[in-house]
Amino acid sequence: MKWKKLTELIKTVKDLEKETDFELLNLAFSEMLELKDKIDELNVTTLLDDKYDNNDAIITIHAGAGGTESQDWVVMLARMYKMYANKNGFSFDIIDKLEGGDAGLKSIVLWVKGEYAYGKLKSEMGVHRLVRISPFDSNKRRHTSFASVEVVPSISKETDVKLKQEELRIDTYRSSGAGGQNVNKVETAVRITHIPTGIVVTCQNERSQLQNRESAMKILMSKLVALEEEKQRQNMNDIKGELKRIEWGSQIRSYVFQPYTMVKDHRTDFETSDVQAVMDGELTPFINEYLKKSHSSN
């Protein structure tokens, strides 16, 4: 279907190139820009050929060194991914979150659903570093904050990973989030611990305990499949990526708000001075550069 539309657009551009009318030439120029964007998009799609690239993405963001600053950074990153999802036609759900002390969030779990969501967002795996004038500092000093981003594919089909009931500890508790009186007064939130691996998954965004349990089980299965993929390939970067310590020197990307503006990906060296656009979800250039470099090194 994409090839058909691309072929039609190429034909239209060729026809318009023969025109001498100024308005039609302007139209041809616009069509050529659209053609370039579609070709670039198609080129990137051909790079999304790993096993789970077409799956949904489950993103977990944890605050690192920096206290309240890092917890606020978690909120900013979650907004950035929400904006990216909106721009690219993905749906976006908050599965779970843990409130910070004075402000922000200690952690948040997001579910981004759509075609190639995981394939594109897997590039976000790693530590993200923020440098800015702190809104929480009365002396207006610059602060450095860190947050880790974990991305795993959502697994909905049967896999070789089997869950045994005796390996699971399931706890229920009252949700701390919004959702009405039912959510806050009844134990609808669910926490599942996979005892052999120590993986803990929580979910509290749904209105019923059953729905939260089903979502938590899906996330747990996804994390276990990602773990199994790591073992089989013996390469921490294949599915789960390299989660380093959340501190100075381990970041994959830096976001500098002051004294200058810059977002730089340290794996590809791609950078931009338009920090606001990035924070508003303009991540496609970073994702594309990551995919190109990943394939060129294979």
Protein backbone atom coordinates (compact mmCIF):
# COMPACT_ATOMS: atom_id res chain seq x y z
CA MET A 1 0.00 0.00 0.00
CA LYS A 2 2.83 2.40 0.85
CA TRP A 3 4.62 1.57 -2.39
CA LYS A 4 1.43 2.25 -4.37
CA LYS A 5 0.96 5.68 -2.79
CA LEU A 6 4.64 6.47 -3.30
CA THR A 7 4.44 5.52 -6.98
CA GLU A 8 1.39 7.75 -7.46
CA LEU A 9 3.16 10.67 -5.76
CA ILE A 10 6.26 10.23 -7.97
CA LYS A 11 4.03 10.30 -11.08
CA THR A 12 2.31 13.47 -9.85
CA VAL A 13 5.64 15.21 -9.25
CA LYS A 14 6.93 14.26 -12.71
CA ASP A 15 3.75 15.60 -14.34
CA LEU A 16 3.99 18.88 -12.43
CA GLU A 17 7.66 19.35 -13.36
CA LYS A 18 6.56 19.98 -16.95
CA GLU A 19 4.38 22.94 -15.94
CA THR A 20 5.42 26.58 -16.30
CA ASP A 21 2.58 28.04 -14.27
CA PHE A 22 3.97 29.58 -11.05
CA GLU A 23 1.26 28.17 -8.77
CA LEU A 24 1.66 24.70 -10.24
CA LEU A 25 5.43 24.92 -9.78
CA ASN A 26 4.89 25.79 -6.12
CA LEU A 27 2.62 22.78 -5.86
CA ALA A 28 5.32 20.62 -7.46
CA PHE A 29 7.85 21.85 -4.92
CA SER A 30 5.49 20.99 -2.05
CA GLU A 31 4.85 17.56 -3.54
CA MET A 32 8.61 16.97 -3.86
CA LEU A 33 9.12 17.78 -0.17
CA GLU A 34 6.33 15.37 0.72
CA LEU A 35 7.91 12.76 -1.53
CA LYS A 36 11.27 13.15 0.22
CA ASP A 37 9.63 12.72 3.65
CA LYS A 38 7.79 9.59 2.51
CA ILE A 39 10.94 8.06 1.01
CA ASP A 40 12.83 8.77 4.24
CA GLU A 41 10.01 7.18 6.24
CA LEU A 42 10.03 4.11 3.98
CA ASN A 43 13.82 3.79 4.28
CA VAL A 44 13.55 3.79 8.07
CA THR A 45 10.77 1.19 7.99
CA THR A 46 13.08 -1.19 6.11
CA LEU A 47 15.45 -0.98 9.10
CA LEU A 48 12.75 -2.20 11.48
CA ASP A 49 13.31 -5.89 10.87
CA ASP A 50 14.06 -7.28 14.33
CA LYS A 51 11.79 -9.90 15.86
CA TYR A 52 9.64 -7.59 18.00
CA ASP A 53 9.98 -4.28 16.14
CA ASN A 54 6.31 -4.25 15.09
CA ASN A 55 5.08 -4.69 18.68
CA ASP A 56 3.82 -2.10 21.14
CA ALA A 57 6.39 -0.57 23.50
CA ILE A 58 6.37 -0.62 27.29
CA ILE A 59 8.51 2.21 28.70
CA THR A 60 9.62 2.45 32.32
CA ILE A 61 11.27 5.67 33.50
CA HIS A 62 13.13 5.79 36.84
CA ALA A 63 14.52 8.88 38.57
CA GLY A 64 18.26 8.72 39.18
CA ALA A 65 20.78 10.87 41.00
CA GLY A 66 19.41 14.33 41.67
CA GLY A 67 16.48 13.97 44.10
CA THR A 68 13.54 16.26 43.33
CA GLU A 69 15.28 17.45 40.17
CA SER A 70 15.44 13.93 38.73
CA GLN A 71 11.86 13.21 39.75
CA ASP A 72 10.74 16.29 37.83
CA TRP A 73 12.88 15.08 34.90
CA VAL A 74 10.86 11.84 34.88
CA VAL A 75 7.67 13.89 34.39
CA MET A 76 9.27 15.86 31.56
CA LEU A 77 10.43 12.70 29.77
CA ALA A 78 7.00 11.10 30.14
CA ARG A 79 5.44 14.19 28.54
CA MET A 80 8.02 14.04 25.74
CA TYR A 81 7.07 10.45 24.91
CA LYS A 82 3.38 11.31 25.09
CA MET A 83 3.90 14.14 22.60
CA TYR A 84 5.92 11.80 20.34
CA ALA A 85 3.12 9.24 20.48
CA ASN A 86 0.51 11.87 19.58
CA LYS A 87 2.58 13.14 16.63
CA ASN A 88 3.03 9.64 15.24
CA GLY A 89 -0.47 8.26 15.63
CA PHE A 90 0.33 5.99 18.59
CA SER A 91 -1.96 5.56 21.58
CA PHE A 92 -0.48 6.31 24.99
CA ASP A 93 -1.47 4.92 28.40
CA ILE A 94 -0.01 5.41 31.87
CA ILE A 95 0.06 1.96 33.48
CA ASP A 96 1.59 2.83 36.82
CA LYS A 97 3.42 5.65 38.59
CA LEU A 98 5.11 6.28 41.91
CA GLU A 99 4.84 9.82 43.24
CA GLY A 100 7.93 11.69 44.35
CA GLY A 101 8.43 13.32 47.72
CA ASP A 102 8.09 17.06 47.12
CA ALA A 103 7.44 17.01 43.38
CA GLY A 104 7.62 14.85 40.29
CA LEU A 105 7.67 11.07 40.03
CA LYS A 106 10.08 8.43 41.25
CA SER A 107 8.99 6.19 38.38
CA ILE A 108 6.33 5.79 35.71
CA VAL A 109 5.31 2.98 33.33
CA LEU A 110 3.95 3.90 29.89
CA TRP A 111 2.35 1.72 27.23
CA VAL A 112 2.74 3.07 23.69
CA LYS A 113 0.59 1.18 21.19
CA GLY A 114 0.88 1.28 17.43
CA GLU A 115 2.67 -0.11 14.39
CA TYR A 116 6.44 -0.32 14.99
CA ALA A 117 6.15 1.44 18.35
CA TYR A 118 8.83 -0.76 19.93
CA GLY A 119 11.06 -0.71 16.86
CA LYS A 120 11.23 3.06 16.98
CA LEU A 121 11.24 3.65 20.72
CA LYS A 122 13.83 0.99 21.60
CA SER A 123 16.42 3.65 20.75
CA GLU A 124 15.37 5.50 23.93
CA MET A 125 16.78 2.77 26.18
CA GLY A 126 19.43 4.14 28.52
CA VAL A 127 20.24 7.08 30.79
CA HIS A 128 19.04 10.58 29.89
CA ARG A 129 20.85 13.60 31.38
CA LEU A 130 19.36 17.06 31.93
CA VAL A 131 21.24 20.31 32.62
CA ARG A 132 19.16 23.40 33.50
CA ILE A 133 18.58 26.22 35.95
CA SER A 134 16.56 24.53 38.67
CA PRO A 135 13.01 25.83 39.26
CA PHE A 136 13.36 24.38 42.77
CA ASP A 137 16.53 26.33 43.61
CA SER A 138 15.93 29.83 45.00
CA ASN A 139 19.53 30.73 44.09
CA LYS A 140 18.87 29.87 40.41
CA ARG A 141 21.85 27.55 40.11
CA ARG A 142 22.40 25.01 37.36
CA HIS A 143 21.60 21.41 38.24
CA THR A 144 22.31 18.11 36.50
CA SER A 145 19.65 15.41 36.69
CA PHE A 146 19.46 11.82 35.47
CA ALA A 147 16.70 9.35 34.63
CA SER A 148 16.86 5.85 33.19
CA VAL A 149 14.54 4.70 30.42
CA GLU A 150 13.83 1.00 29.92
CA VAL A 151 11.97 -0.11 26.80
CA VAL A 152 10.65 -3.64 26.18
CA PRO A 153 8.28 -4.95 23.50
CA SER A 154 4.74 -5.87 24.50
CA ILE A 155 4.29 -9.62 24.08
CA SER A 156 0.70 -10.72 23.45
CA LYS A 157 1.21 -14.02 21.60
CA GLU A 158 2.25 -17.40 22.97
CA THR A 159 5.95 -17.58 23.75
CA ASP A 160 8.42 -20.17 24.97
CA VAL A 161 8.41 -18.46 28.36
CA LYS A 162 5.97 -20.21 30.68
CA LEU A 163 4.73 -18.70 33.93
CA LYS A 164 4.21 -21.03 36.88
CA GLN A 165 1.72 -19.96 39.52
CA GLU A 166 4.06 -20.96 42.35
CA GLU A 167 6.68 -18.58 40.98
CA LEU A 168 4.37 -15.58 41.30
CA ARG A 169 3.48 -13.47 44.32
CA ILE A 170 0.42 -11.33 43.66
CA ASP A 171 -0.48 -8.47 46.00
CA THR A 172 -3.38 -6.03 45.78
CA TYR A 173 -3.64 -2.55 47.27
CA ARG A 174 -5.54 0.70 46.94
CA SER A 175 -4.66 2.82 43.96
CA SER A 176 -3.07 6.19 44.69
CA GLY A 177 -3.95 7.68 41.32
CA ALA A 178 -6.98 9.36 39.82
CA GLY A 179 -9.94 7.32 38.69
CA GLY A 180 -12.84 8.03 40.98
CA GLN A 181 -13.96 6.76 44.35
CA ASN A 182 -13.98 3.11 43.29
CA VAL A 183 -10.29 3.15 42.37
CA ASN A 184 -9.22 4.83 45.61
CA LYS A 185 -11.42 2.92 48.08
CA VAL A 186 -11.17 -0.62 46.70
CA GLU A 187 -7.98 -2.66 46.32
CA THR A 188 -7.88 -2.45 42.53
CA ALA A 189 -4.12 -1.97 42.10
CA VAL A 190 -2.04 -5.11 41.50
CA ARG A 191 1.62 -5.91 42.16
CA ILE A 192 3.09 -9.10 40.69
CA THR A 193 6.51 -10.36 41.72
CA HIS A 194 8.27 -13.03 39.67
CA ILE A 195 10.20 -14.76 42.44
CA PRO A 196 12.95 -16.48 40.36
CA THR A 197 14.07 -13.26 38.66
CA GLY A 198 12.93 -10.66 41.21
CA ILE A 199 11.08 -8.71 38.50
CA VAL A 200 8.24 -6.65 40.01
CA VAL A 201 5.39 -5.23 37.93
CA THR A 202 2.61 -2.96 39.22
CA CYS A 203 -0.51 -1.67 37.50
CA GLN A 204 -3.18 0.67 38.86
CA ASN A 205 -4.61 2.61 35.93
CA GLU A 206 -7.63 0.36 35.28
CA ARG A 207 -10.86 0.52 37.26
CA SER A 208 -11.01 -3.16 38.21
CA GLN A 209 -8.54 -5.50 39.87
CA LEU A 210 -9.03 -8.05 37.06
CA GLN A 211 -8.09 -5.52 34.36
CA ASN A 212 -5.03 -4.40 36.30
CA ARG A 213 -3.99 -8.01 36.83
CA GLU A 214 -4.27 -8.77 33.11
CA SER A 215 -2.20 -5.70 32.19
CA ALA A 216 0.42 -6.51 34.83
CA MET A 217 0.70 -10.10 33.56
CA LYS A 218 1.25 -8.85 30.00
CA ILE A 219 4.00 -6.50 31.14
CA LEU A 220 5.63 -9.24 33.22
CA MET A 221 5.57 -11.61 30.26
CA SER A 222 7.13 -8.91 28.08
CA LYS A 223 9.95 -8.35 30.56
CA LEU A 224 10.60 -12.09 30.88
CA VAL A 225 10.69 -12.52 27.10
CA ALA A 226 13.16 -9.63 26.87
CA LEU A 227 15.27 -11.30 29.54
CA GLU A 228 15.16 -14.62 27.68
CA GLU A 229 16.22 -12.91 24.46
CA GLU A 230 19.22 -11.48 26.28
CA LYS A 231 20.25 -14.91 27.48
CA GLN A 232 19.87 -16.48 24.06
CA ARG A 233 21.86 -13.80 22.26
CA GLN A 234 24.25 -13.18 25.17
CA ASN A 235 24.13 -9.49 24.31
CA MET A 236 22.64 -6.94 26.70
CA ASN A 237 22.00 -4.48 23.88
CA ASP A 238 19.76 -6.70 21.74
CA ILE A 239 16.42 -6.29 23.47
CA LYS A 240 16.76 -4.74 26.88
CA GLY A 241 19.76 -2.58 26.11
CA GLU A 242 22.61 -1.56 28.34
CA LEU A 243 21.27 -0.13 31.61
CA LYS A 244 24.24 1.54 33.24
CA ARG A 245 24.30 3.24 36.61
CA ILE A 246 22.05 6.30 36.55
CA GLU A 247 24.71 8.91 37.06
CA TRP A 248 27.35 11.13 35.46
CA GLY A 249 29.17 9.66 32.47
CA SER A 250 26.69 6.89 31.64
CA GLN A 251 24.15 8.86 29.62
CA ILE A 252 23.08 8.03 26.06
CA ARG A 253 21.67 11.52 25.50
CA SER A 254 22.15 14.95 27.05
CA TYR A 255 19.59 17.76 27.16
CA VAL A 256 21.13 21.15 27.94
CA PHE A 257 18.81 24.08 28.69
CA GLN A 258 21.45 26.49 30.09
CA PRO A 259 23.89 28.18 29.44
CA TYR A 260 23.16 27.16 25.83
CA THR A 261 20.51 24.91 24.26
CA MET A 262 21.41 21.52 22.86
CA VAL A 263 20.21 17.94 22.75
CA LYS A 264 22.93 15.48 21.78
CA ASP A 265 22.81 11.72 21.36
CA HIS A 266 26.20 10.35 22.41
CA ARG A 267 25.82 7.12 20.44
CA THR A 268 25.30 8.75 17.04
CA ASP A 269 26.62 12.29 17.70
CA PHE A 270 23.38 13.66 16.26
CA GLU A 271 22.44 16.94 17.91
CA THR A 272 20.08 19.89 17.65
CA SER A 273 19.82 23.28 19.35
CA ASP A 274 16.00 23.18 19.27
CA VAL A 275 15.48 21.77 22.75
CA GLN A 276 11.83 22.80 22.89
CA ALA A 277 10.97 20.83 19.74
CA VAL A 278 12.58 17.71 21.21
CA MET A 279 10.72 18.11 24.51
CA ASP A 280 7.55 18.50 22.44
CA GLY A 281 8.10 15.04 20.97
CA GLU A 282 10.28 15.67 17.92
CA LEU A 283 12.33 12.50 18.38
CA THR A 284 12.21 11.13 14.82
CA PRO A 285 15.65 12.45 13.73
CA PHE A 286 17.29 10.86 16.80
CA ILE A 287 15.47 7.57 16.23
CA ASN A 288 16.35 7.48 12.54
CA GLU A 289 20.04 8.15 13.18
CA TYR A 290 20.13 5.42 15.82
CA LEU A 291 18.51 2.88 13.48
CA LYS A 292 20.89 3.74 10.65
CA LYS A 293 23.96 3.41 12.85
CA SER A 294 22.71 0.17 14.43
CA HIS A 295 22.30 -1.43 11.02
CA SER A 296 25.56 -0.11 9.61
CA SER A 297 27.45 -1.69 12.52
CA ASN A 298 25.78 -5.12 12.09
